[in-house]
Structures are given as structure tokens and as C-alpha cells.
Amino acid sequence: EQADEELATLAKALGHSARVQILRLLVRKDACICGDIVGELPLAQSTVSQHLKVLKNAGLIRGEIDGPRVCYCIEPRTLRRLKALMGGL
């Protein structure tokens, strides 16, 4: 039951194509600054920031402050957990 809840939470965070695109981008580049992500997607800065917040709250990404910017990267443990949960369907 706990695994089902965990999977549902992660799936909900991935429930928008822009968030899937952001994850793919971060996997490809290892790390990205928010401005770089905005440049890759046809979305406003505020929209990208909201999607990043959802992904971060779900534990799929982490953000580290680098001066005036935030550098985002994949949280590998959560991504591995997501893969394991999906494999158990």
C-alpha cells in the first residue's frame, strides 16, 4: 500500500508533459540553471518555475543555490525508486 501511494505521488508529479521534458533535459545535461531550462521550453519563466517546484516537492529533482541562481539536477535515488515502482506494476 505504501509503495502504491509513493508511485501515485511520483506519477502525479510527472502528470504534465512539461515536467517530463524538464526531467529528460536534466538527465541529458546532469545539471541545469533555471534560465537554461526556460530557454529549452516554449514556456514562461514563471511556468517553468512552478513545474520545477512540483518536481522538487516530489523529490525527483533538487535545487542548489549558486549565487543569484538555482542549479537544478536529478535526484538519482528517487529516479531509481520510480523505475523500481514502475517495474512492479
PDB file of N, CA and C in Angstrom:
ATOM      1  N   GLU A   1       0.819  -1.197   0.000  1.00  0.00           N
ATOM      2  CA  GLU A   1       0.000   0.000   0.000  1.00  0.00           C
ATOM      3  C   GLU A   1       0.861   1.259   0.000  1.00  0.00           C
ATOM      4  N   GLN A   2       1.934   1.243   0.797  1.00  0.00           N
ATOM      5  CA  GLN A   2       2.820   2.404   0.845  1.00  0.00           C
ATOM      6  C   GLN A   2       3.496   2.624  -0.513  1.00  0.00           C
ATOM      7  N   ALA A   3       3.887   1.544  -1.174  1.00  0.00           N
ATOM      8  CA  ALA A   3       4.502   1.650  -2.494  1.00  0.00           C
ATOM      9  C   ALA A   3       3.524   2.235  -3.503  1.00  0.00           C
ATOM     10  N   ASP A   4       2.252   1.862  -3.391  1.00  0.00           N
ATOM     11  CA  ASP A   4       1.234   2.407  -4.296  1.00  0.00           C
ATOM     12  C   ASP A   4       1.078   3.907  -4.097  1.00  0.00           C
ATOM     13  N   GLU A   5       1.091   4.339  -2.849  1.00  0.00           N
ATOM     14  CA  GLU A   5       0.993   5.779  -2.552  1.00  0.00           C
ATOM     15  C   GLU A   5       2.203   6.526  -3.103  1.00  0.00           C
ATOM     16  N   GLU A   6       3.365   5.937  -2.918  1.00  0.00           N
ATOM     17  CA  GLU A   6       4.594   6.555  -3.406  1.00  0.00           C
ATOM     18  C   GLU A   6       4.572   6.674  -4.926  1.00  0.00           C
ATOM     19  N   LEU A   7       4.156   5.613  -5.597  1.00  0.00           N
ATOM     20  CA  LEU A   7       4.062   5.633  -7.047  1.00  0.00           C
ATOM     21  C   LEU A   7       3.050   6.669  -7.511  1.00  0.00           C
ATOM     22  N   ALA A   8       1.910   6.744  -6.844  1.00  0.00           N
ATOM     23  CA  ALA A   8       0.882   7.719  -7.215  1.00  0.00           C
ATOM     24  C   ALA A   8       1.399   9.146  -7.065  1.00  0.00           C
ATOM     25  N   THR A   9       2.153   9.420  -6.012  1.00  0.00           N
ATOM     26  CA  THR A   9       2.711  10.754  -5.795  1.00  0.00           C
ATOM     27  C   THR A   9       3.695  11.117  -6.894  1.00  0.00           C
ATOM     28  N   LEU A  10       4.583  10.192  -7.231  1.00  0.00           N
ATOM     29  CA  LEU A  10       5.562  10.450  -8.286  1.00  0.00           C
ATOM     30  C   LEU A  10       4.886  10.582  -9.649  1.00  0.00           C
ATOM     31  N   ALA A  11       3.893   9.738  -9.898  1.00  0.00           N
ATOM     32  CA  ALA A  11       3.172   9.811 -11.173  1.00  0.00           C
ATOM     33  C   ALA A  11       2.435  11.133 -11.302  1.00  0.00           C
ATOM     34  N   LYS A  12       1.867  11.613 -10.214  1.00  0.00           N
ATOM     35  CA  LYS A  12       1.176  12.901 -10.243  1.00  0.00           C
ATOM     36  C   LYS A  12       2.155  14.021 -10.590  1.00  0.00           C
ATOM     37  N   ALA A  13       3.362  13.957 -10.026  1.00  0.00           N
ATOM     38  CA  ALA A  13       4.372  14.976 -10.334  1.00  0.00           C
ATOM     39  C   ALA A  13       4.768  14.930 -11.802  1.00  0.00           C
ATOM     40  N   LEU A  14       4.679  13.764 -12.418  1.00  0.00           N
ATOM     41  CA  LEU A  14       5.020  13.615 -13.834  1.00  0.00           C
ATOM     42  C   LEU A  14       3.796  13.773 -14.734  1.00  0.00           C
ATOM     43  N   GLY A  15       2.692  14.214 -14.161  1.00  0.00           N
ATOM     44  CA  GLY A  15       1.429  14.284 -14.884  1.00  0.00           C
ATOM     45  C   GLY A  15       1.301  15.425 -15.871  1.00  0.00           C
ATOM     46  N   HIS A  16       2.378  16.114 -16.177  1.00  0.00           N
ATOM     47  CA  HIS A  16       2.346  17.188 -17.170  1.00  0.00           C
ATOM     48  C   HIS A  16       3.532  16.998 -18.100  1.00  0.00           C
ATOM     49  N   SER A  17       3.299  17.124 -19.390  1.00  0.00           N
ATOM     50  CA  SER A  17       4.368  16.869 -20.361  1.00  0.00           C
ATOM     51  C   SER A  17       5.561  17.801 -20.170  1.00  0.00           C
ATOM     52  N   ALA A  18       5.339  19.017 -19.705  1.00  0.00           N
ATOM     53  CA  ALA A  18       6.466  19.940 -19.482  1.00  0.00           C
ATOM     54  C   ALA A  18       7.387  19.405 -18.391  1.00  0.00           C
ATOM     55  N   ARG A  19       6.827  18.773 -17.368  1.00  0.00           N
ATOM     56  CA  ARG A  19       7.657  18.224 -16.295  1.00  0.00           C
ATOM     57  C   ARG A  19       8.455  17.021 -16.789  1.00  0.00           C
ATOM     58  N   VAL A  20       7.862  16.233 -17.663  1.00  0.00           N
ATOM     59  CA  VAL A  20       8.593  15.113 -18.270  1.00  0.00           C
ATOM     60  C   VAL A  20       9.738  15.673 -19.117  1.00  0.00           C
ATOM     61  N   GLN A  21       9.480  16.725 -19.872  1.00  0.00           N
ATOM     62  CA  GLN A  21      10.525  17.353 -20.692  1.00  0.00           C
ATOM     63  C   GLN A  21      11.654  17.894 -19.823  1.00  0.00           C
ATOM     64  N   ILE A  22      11.310  18.501 -18.702  1.00  0.00           N
ATOM     65  CA  ILE A  22      12.326  19.031 -17.791  1.00  0.00           C
ATOM     66  C   ILE A  22      13.189  17.891 -17.257  1.00  0.00           C
ATOM     67  N   LEU A  23      12.574  16.785 -16.846  1.00  0.00           N
ATOM     68  CA  LEU A  23      13.350  15.641 -16.359  1.00  0.00           C
ATOM     69  C   LEU A  23      14.289  15.108 -17.435  1.00  0.00           C
ATOM     70  N   ARG A  24      13.784  14.968 -18.652  1.00  0.00           N
ATOM     71  CA  ARG A  24      14.624  14.487 -19.757  1.00  0.00           C
ATOM     72  C   ARG A  24      15.816  15.417 -19.969  1.00  0.00           C
ATOM     73  N   LEU A  25      15.556  16.706 -19.919  1.00  0.00           N
ATOM     74  CA  LEU A  25      16.618  17.697 -20.097  1.00  0.00           C
ATOM     75  C   LEU A  25      17.672  17.573 -19.005  1.00  0.00           C
ATOM     76  N   LEU A  26      17.230  17.439 -17.763  1.00  0.00           N
ATOM     77  CA  LEU A  26      18.173  17.330 -16.651  1.00  0.00           C
ATOM     78  C   LEU A  26      18.963  16.024 -16.694  1.00  0.00           C
ATOM     79  N   VAL A  27      18.340  14.946 -17.145  1.00  0.00           N
ATOM     80  CA  VAL A  27      19.049  13.679 -17.281  1.00  0.00           C
ATOM     81  C   VAL A  27      20.141  13.812 -18.343  1.00  0.00           C
ATOM     82  N   ARG A  28      19.826  14.474 -19.435  1.00  0.00           N
ATOM     83  CA  ARG A  28      20.802  14.655 -20.524  1.00  0.00           C
ATOM     84  C   ARG A  28      21.972  15.536 -20.110  1.00  0.00           C
ATOM     85  N   LYS A  29      21.702  16.595 -19.357  1.00  0.00           N
ATOM     86  CA  LYS A  29      22.735  17.586 -19.057  1.00  0.00           C
ATOM     87  C   LYS A  29      23.340  17.457 -17.669  1.00  0.00           C
ATOM     88  N   ASP A  30      22.880  16.542 -16.866  1.00  0.00           N
ATOM     89  CA  ASP A  30      23.343  16.342 -15.489  1.00  0.00           C
ATOM     90  C   ASP A  30      22.921  17.475 -14.560  1.00  0.00           C
ATOM     91  N   ALA A  31      23.032  18.710 -14.962  1.00  0.00           N
ATOM     92  CA  ALA A  31      22.617  19.852 -14.146  1.00  0.00           C
ATOM     93  C   ALA A  31      22.253  21.001 -15.068  1.00  0.00           C
ATOM     94  N   CYS A  32      21.391  21.851 -14.629  1.00  0.00           N
ATOM     95  CA  CYS A  32      20.941  22.980 -15.434  1.00  0.00           C
ATOM     96  C   CYS A  32      20.636  24.156 -14.528  1.00  0.00           C
ATOM     97  N   ILE A  33      20.846  25.323 -15.026  1.00  0.00           N
ATOM     98  CA  ILE A  33      20.407  26.521 -14.330  1.00  0.00           C
ATOM     99  C   ILE A  33      19.006  26.821 -14.850  1.00  0.00           C
ATOM    100  N   CYS A  34      18.151  27.334 -14.010  1.00  0.00           N
ATOM    101  CA  CYS A  34      16.756  27.563 -14.384  1.00  0.00           C
ATOM    102  C   CYS A  34      16.630  28.309 -15.706  1.00  0.00           C
ATOM    103  N   GLY A  35      17.442  29.315 -15.916  1.00  0.00           N
ATOM    104  CA  GLY A  35      17.386  30.083 -17.167  1.00  0.00           C
ATOM    105  C   GLY A  35      17.644  29.220 -18.380  1.00  0.00           C
ATOM    106  N   ASP A  36      18.524  28.231 -18.249  1.00  0.00           N
ATOM    107  CA  ASP A  36      18.790  27.309 -19.352  1.00  0.00           C
ATOM    108  C   ASP A  36      17.567  26.458 -19.652  1.00  0.00           C
ATOM    109  N   ILE A  37      16.868  26.068 -18.629  1.00  0.00           N
ATOM    110  CA  ILE A  37      15.658  25.264 -18.803  1.00  0.00           C
ATOM    111  C   ILE A  37      14.599  26.093 -19.521  1.00  0.00           C
ATOM    112  N   VAL A  38      14.448  27.335 -19.124  1.00  0.00           N
ATOM    113  CA  VAL A  38      13.469  28.223 -19.767  1.00  0.00           C
ATOM    114  C   VAL A  38      13.786  28.366 -21.248  1.00  0.00           C
ATOM    115  N   GLY A  39      15.074  28.434 -21.584  1.00  0.00           N
ATOM    116  CA  GLY A  39      15.479  28.562 -22.983  1.00  0.00           C
ATOM    117  C   GLY A  39      15.178  27.330 -23.812  1.00  0.00           C
ATOM    118  N   GLU A  40      15.014  26.192 -23.166  1.00  0.00           N
ATOM    119  CA  GLU A  40      14.761  24.936 -23.870  1.00  0.00           C
ATOM    120  C   GLU A  40      13.274  24.643 -24.072  1.00  0.00           C
ATOM    121  N   LEU A  41      12.427  25.323 -23.325  1.00  0.00           N
ATOM    122  CA  LEU A  41      10.988  25.039 -23.377  1.00  0.00           C
ATOM    123  C   LEU A  41      10.226  26.269 -23.842  1.00  0.00           C
ATOM    124  N   PRO A  42       9.122  26.056 -24.534  1.00  0.00           N
ATOM    125  CA  PRO A  42       8.314  27.191 -25.001  1.00  0.00           C
ATOM    126  C   PRO A  42       7.358  27.691 -23.911  1.00  0.00           C
ATOM    127  N   LEU A  43       7.899  27.922 -22.718  1.00  0.00           N
ATOM    128  CA  LEU A  43       7.072  28.327 -21.581  1.00  0.00           C
ATOM    129  C   LEU A  43       7.684  29.542 -20.906  1.00  0.00           C
ATOM    130  N   ALA A  44       6.852  30.297 -20.227  1.00  0.00           N
ATOM    131  CA  ALA A  44       7.318  31.462 -19.481  1.00  0.00           C
ATOM    132  C   ALA A  44       8.141  31.026 -18.273  1.00  0.00           C
ATOM    133  N   GLN A  45       9.012  31.909 -17.825  1.00  0.00           N
ATOM    134  CA  GLN A  45       9.852  31.645 -16.645  1.00  0.00           C
ATOM    135  C   GLN A  45       9.005  31.224 -15.449  1.00  0.00           C
ATOM    136  N   SER A  46       7.903  31.926 -15.213  1.00  0.00           N
ATOM    137  CA  SER A  46       7.070  31.609 -14.049  1.00  0.00           C
ATOM    138  C   SER A  46       6.455  30.218 -14.159  1.00  0.00           C
ATOM    139  N   THR A  47       6.095  29.817 -15.360  1.00  0.00           N
ATOM    140  CA  THR A  47       5.516  28.485 -15.573  1.00  0.00           C
ATOM    141  C   THR A  47       6.565  27.411 -15.337  1.00  0.00           C
ATOM    142  N   VAL A  48       7.763  27.619 -15.860  1.00  0.00           N
ATOM    143  CA  VAL A  48       8.849  26.664 -15.644  1.00  0.00           C
ATOM    144  C   VAL A  48       9.164  26.566 -14.154  1.00  0.00           C
ATOM    145  N   SER A  49       9.199  27.694 -13.470  1.00  0.00           N
ATOM    146  CA  SER A  49       9.475  27.697 -12.032  1.00  0.00           C
ATOM    147  C   SER A  49       8.436  26.885 -11.268  1.00  0.00           C
ATOM    148  N   GLN A  50       7.173  26.996 -11.656  1.00  0.00           N
ATOM    149  CA  GLN A  50       6.116  26.233 -10.994  1.00  0.00           C
ATOM    150  C   GLN A  50       6.304  24.730 -11.233  1.00  0.00           C
ATOM    151  N   HIS A  51       6.650  24.350 -12.463  1.00  0.00           N
ATOM    152  CA  HIS A  51       6.893  22.930 -12.762  1.00  0.00           C
ATOM    153  C   HIS A  51       8.100  22.413 -11.978  1.00  0.00           C
ATOM    154  N   LEU A  52       9.153  23.225 -11.875  1.00  0.00           N
ATOM    155  CA  LEU A  52      10.328  22.831 -11.095  1.00  0.00           C
ATOM    156  C   LEU A  52       9.959  22.631  -9.632  1.00  0.00           C
ATOM    157  N   LYS A  53       9.097  23.473  -9.118  1.00  0.00           N
ATOM    158  CA  LYS A  53       8.658  23.356  -7.726  1.00  0.00           C
ATOM    159  C   LYS A  53       7.931  22.030  -7.494  1.00  0.00           C
ATOM    160  N   VAL A  54       7.059  21.652  -8.420  1.00  0.00           N
ATOM    161  CA  VAL A  54       6.326  20.382  -8.291  1.00  0.00           C
ATOM    162  C   VAL A  54       7.296  19.205  -8.303  1.00  0.00           C
ATOM    163  N   LEU A  55       8.253  19.231  -9.233  1.00  0.00           N
ATOM    164  CA  LEU A  55       9.231  18.150  -9.320  1.00  0.00           C
ATOM    165  C   LEU A  55      10.108  18.090  -8.068  1.00  0.00           C
ATOM    166  N   LYS A  56      10.477  19.248  -7.557  1.00  0.00           N
ATOM    167  CA  LYS A  56      11.308  19.296  -6.353  1.00  0.00           C
ATOM    168  C   LYS A  56      10.533  18.798  -5.133  1.00  0.00           C
ATOM    169  N   ASN A  57       9.282  19.204  -5.005  1.00  0.00           N
ATOM    170  CA  ASN A  57       8.455  18.765  -3.875  1.00  0.00           C
ATOM    171  C   ASN A  57       8.253  17.249  -3.890  1.00  0.00           C
ATOM    172  N   ALA A  58       8.226  16.654  -5.074  1.00  0.00           N
ATOM    173  CA  ALA A  58       8.071  15.202  -5.192  1.00  0.00           C
ATOM    174  C   ALA A  58       9.395  14.477  -4.963  1.00  0.00           C
ATOM    175  N   GLY A  59      10.487  15.228  -4.879  1.00  0.00           N
ATOM    176  CA  GLY A  59      11.795  14.618  -4.649  1.00  0.00           C
ATOM    177  C   GLY A  59      12.490  14.129  -5.903  1.00  0.00           C
ATOM    178  N   LEU A  60      11.939  14.442  -7.081  1.00  0.00           N
ATOM    179  CA  LEU A  60      12.536  13.986  -8.333  1.00  0.00           C
ATOM    180  C   LEU A  60      13.757  14.806  -8.729  1.00  0.00           C
ATOM    181  N   ILE A  61      13.816  16.054  -8.288  1.00  0.00           N
ATOM    182  CA  ILE A  61      14.965  16.909  -8.560  1.00  0.00           C
ATOM    183  C   ILE A  61      15.367  17.618  -7.275  1.00  0.00           C
ATOM    184  N   ARG A  62      16.546  18.178  -7.295  1.00  0.00           N
ATOM    185  CA  ARG A  62      16.966  19.031  -6.180  1.00  0.00           C
ATOM    186  C   ARG A  62      17.527  20.317  -6.766  1.00  0.00           C
ATOM    187  N   GLY A  63      17.488  21.358  -5.988  1.00  0.00           N
ATOM    188  CA  GLY A  63      17.993  22.647  -6.423  1.00  0.00           C
ATOM    189  C   GLY A  63      18.996  23.183  -5.433  1.00  0.00           C
ATOM    190  N   GLU A  64      20.114  23.643  -5.941  1.00  0.00           N
ATOM    191  CA  GLU A  64      21.156  24.203  -5.092  1.00  0.00           C
ATOM    192  C   GLU A  64      21.369  25.664  -5.472  1.00  0.00           C
ATOM    193  N   ILE A  65      21.423  26.521  -4.469  1.00  0.00           N
ATOM    194  CA  ILE A  65      21.604  27.943  -4.722  1.00  0.00           C
ATOM    195  C   ILE A  65      23.049  28.187  -5.121  1.00  0.00           C
ATOM    196  N   ASP A  66      23.213  28.884  -6.233  1.00  0.00           N
ATOM    197  CA  ASP A  66      24.529  29.231  -6.767  1.00  0.00           C
ATOM    198  C   ASP A  66      24.528  30.728  -7.036  1.00  0.00           C
ATOM    199  N   GLY A  67      24.810  31.497  -5.993  1.00  0.00           N
ATOM    200  CA  GLY A  67      24.725  32.959  -6.117  1.00  0.00           C
ATOM    201  C   GLY A  67      23.276  33.363  -6.293  1.00  0.00           C
ATOM    202  N   PRO A  68      22.990  34.151  -7.331  1.00  0.00           N
ATOM    203  CA  PRO A  68      21.610  34.593  -7.543  1.00  0.00           C
ATOM    204  C   PRO A  68      20.734  33.567  -8.270  1.00  0.00           C
ATOM    205  N   ARG A  69      21.326  32.445  -8.663  1.00  0.00           N
ATOM    206  CA  ARG A  69      20.588  31.439  -9.436  1.00  0.00           C
ATOM    207  C   ARG A  69      20.442  30.151  -8.645  1.00  0.00           C
ATOM    208  N   VAL A  70      19.562  29.300  -9.137  1.00  0.00           N
ATOM    209  CA  VAL A  70      19.396  27.967  -8.563  1.00  0.00           C
ATOM    210  C   VAL A  70      19.762  26.961  -9.640  1.00  0.00           C
ATOM    211  N   CYS A  71      20.641  26.040  -9.292  1.00  0.00           N
ATOM    212  CA  CYS A  71      21.056  24.991 -10.215  1.00  0.00           C
ATOM    213  C   CYS A  71      20.262  23.734  -9.872  1.00  0.00           C
ATOM    214  N   TYR A  72      19.568  23.191 -10.851  1.00  0.00           N
ATOM    215  CA  TYR A  72      18.733  22.008 -10.639  1.00  0.00           C
ATOM    216  C   TYR A  72      19.403  20.778 -11.222  1.00  0.00           C
ATOM    217  N   CYS A  73      19.196  19.653 -10.562  1.00  0.00           N
ATOM    218  CA  CYS A  73      19.677  18.375 -11.078  1.00  0.00           C
ATOM    219  C   CYS A  73      18.735  17.257 -10.620  1.00  0.00           C
ATOM    220  N   ILE A  74      18.866  16.127 -11.278  1.00  0.00           N
ATOM    221  CA  ILE A  74      18.060  14.948 -10.959  1.00  0.00           C
ATOM    222  C   ILE A  74      18.444  14.429  -9.581  1.00  0.00           C
ATOM    223  N   GLU A  75      17.475  13.912  -8.859  1.00  0.00           N
ATOM    224  CA  GLU A  75      17.735  13.202  -7.605  1.00  0.00           C
ATOM    225  C   GLU A  75      17.790  11.719  -7.970  1.00  0.00           C
ATOM    226  N   PRO A  76      18.990  11.150  -8.120  1.00  0.00           N
ATOM    227  CA  PRO A  76      19.113   9.797  -8.660  1.00  0.00           C
ATOM    228  C   PRO A  76      18.413   8.717  -7.843  1.00  0.00           C
ATOM    229  N   ARG A  77      18.407   8.828  -6.528  1.00  0.00           N
ATOM    230  CA  ARG A  77      17.743   7.797  -5.709  1.00  0.00           C
ATOM    231  C   ARG A  77      16.247   7.746  -6.000  1.00  0.00           C
ATOM    232  N   THR A  78      15.629   8.909  -6.146  1.00  0.00           N
ATOM    233  CA  THR A  78      14.188   8.941  -6.417  1.00  0.00           C
ATOM    234  C   THR A  78      13.897   8.415  -7.812  1.00  0.00           C
ATOM    235  N   LEU A  79      14.750   8.745  -8.770  1.00  0.00           N
ATOM    236  CA  LEU A  79      14.552   8.246 -10.128  1.00  0.00           C
ATOM    237  C   LEU A  79      14.677   6.717 -10.164  1.00  0.00           C
ATOM    238  N   ARG A  80      15.643   6.180  -9.432  1.00  0.00           N
ATOM    239  CA  ARG A  80      15.771   4.715  -9.353  1.00  0.00           C
ATOM    240  C   ARG A  80      14.544   4.101  -8.688  1.00  0.00           C
ATOM    241  N   ARG A  81      14.044   4.749  -7.660  1.00  0.00           N
ATOM    242  CA  ARG A  81      12.859   4.254  -6.952  1.00  0.00           C
ATOM    243  C   ARG A  81      11.649   4.261  -7.889  1.00  0.00           C
ATOM    244  N   LEU A  82      11.503   5.327  -8.657  1.00  0.00           N
ATOM    245  CA  LEU A  82      10.398   5.416  -9.625  1.00  0.00           C
ATOM    246  C   LEU A  82      10.477   4.263 -10.611  1.00  0.00           C
ATOM    247  N   LYS A  83      11.661   3.998 -11.126  1.00  0.00           N
ATOM    248  CA  LYS A  83      11.832   2.886 -12.077  1.00  0.00           C
ATOM    249  C   LYS A  83      11.459   1.555 -11.434  1.00  0.00           C
ATOM    250  N   ALA A  84      11.864   1.356 -10.185  1.00  0.00           N
ATOM    251  CA  ALA A  84      11.539   0.112  -9.479  1.00  0.00           C
ATOM    252  C   ALA A  84      10.029  -0.001  -9.247  1.00  0.00           C
ATOM    253  N   LEU A  85       9.395   1.087  -8.867  1.00  0.00           N
ATOM    254  CA  LEU A  85       7.954   1.055  -8.638  1.00  0.00           C
ATOM    255  C   LEU A  85       7.198   0.764  -9.937  1.00  0.00           C
ATOM    256  N   MET A  86       7.658   1.353 -11.028  1.00  0.00           N
ATOM    257  CA  MET A  86       7.002   1.102 -12.326  1.00  0.00           C
ATOM    258  C   MET A  86       7.207  -0.344 -12.758  1.00  0.00           C
ATOM    259  N   GLY A  87       8.379  -0.872 -12.469  1.00  0.00           N
ATOM    260  CA  GLY A  87       8.664  -2.264 -12.824  1.00  0.00           C
ATOM    261  C   GLY A  87       7.815  -3.241 -12.055  1.00  0.00           C
ATOM    262  N   GLY A  88       7.310  -2.818 -10.894  1.00  0.00           N
ATOM    263  CA  GLY A  88       6.494  -3.708 -10.069  1.00  0.00           C
ATOM    264  C   GLY A  88       5.023  -3.707 -10.428  1.00  0.00           C
ATOM    265  N   LEU A  89       4.649  -2.991 -11.474  1.00  0.00           N
ATOM    266  CA  LEU A  89       3.225  -2.963 -11.855  1.00  0.00           C
ATOM    267  C   LEU A  89       2.763  -4.293 -12.418  1.00  0.00           C
TER     268      LEU A  89
END
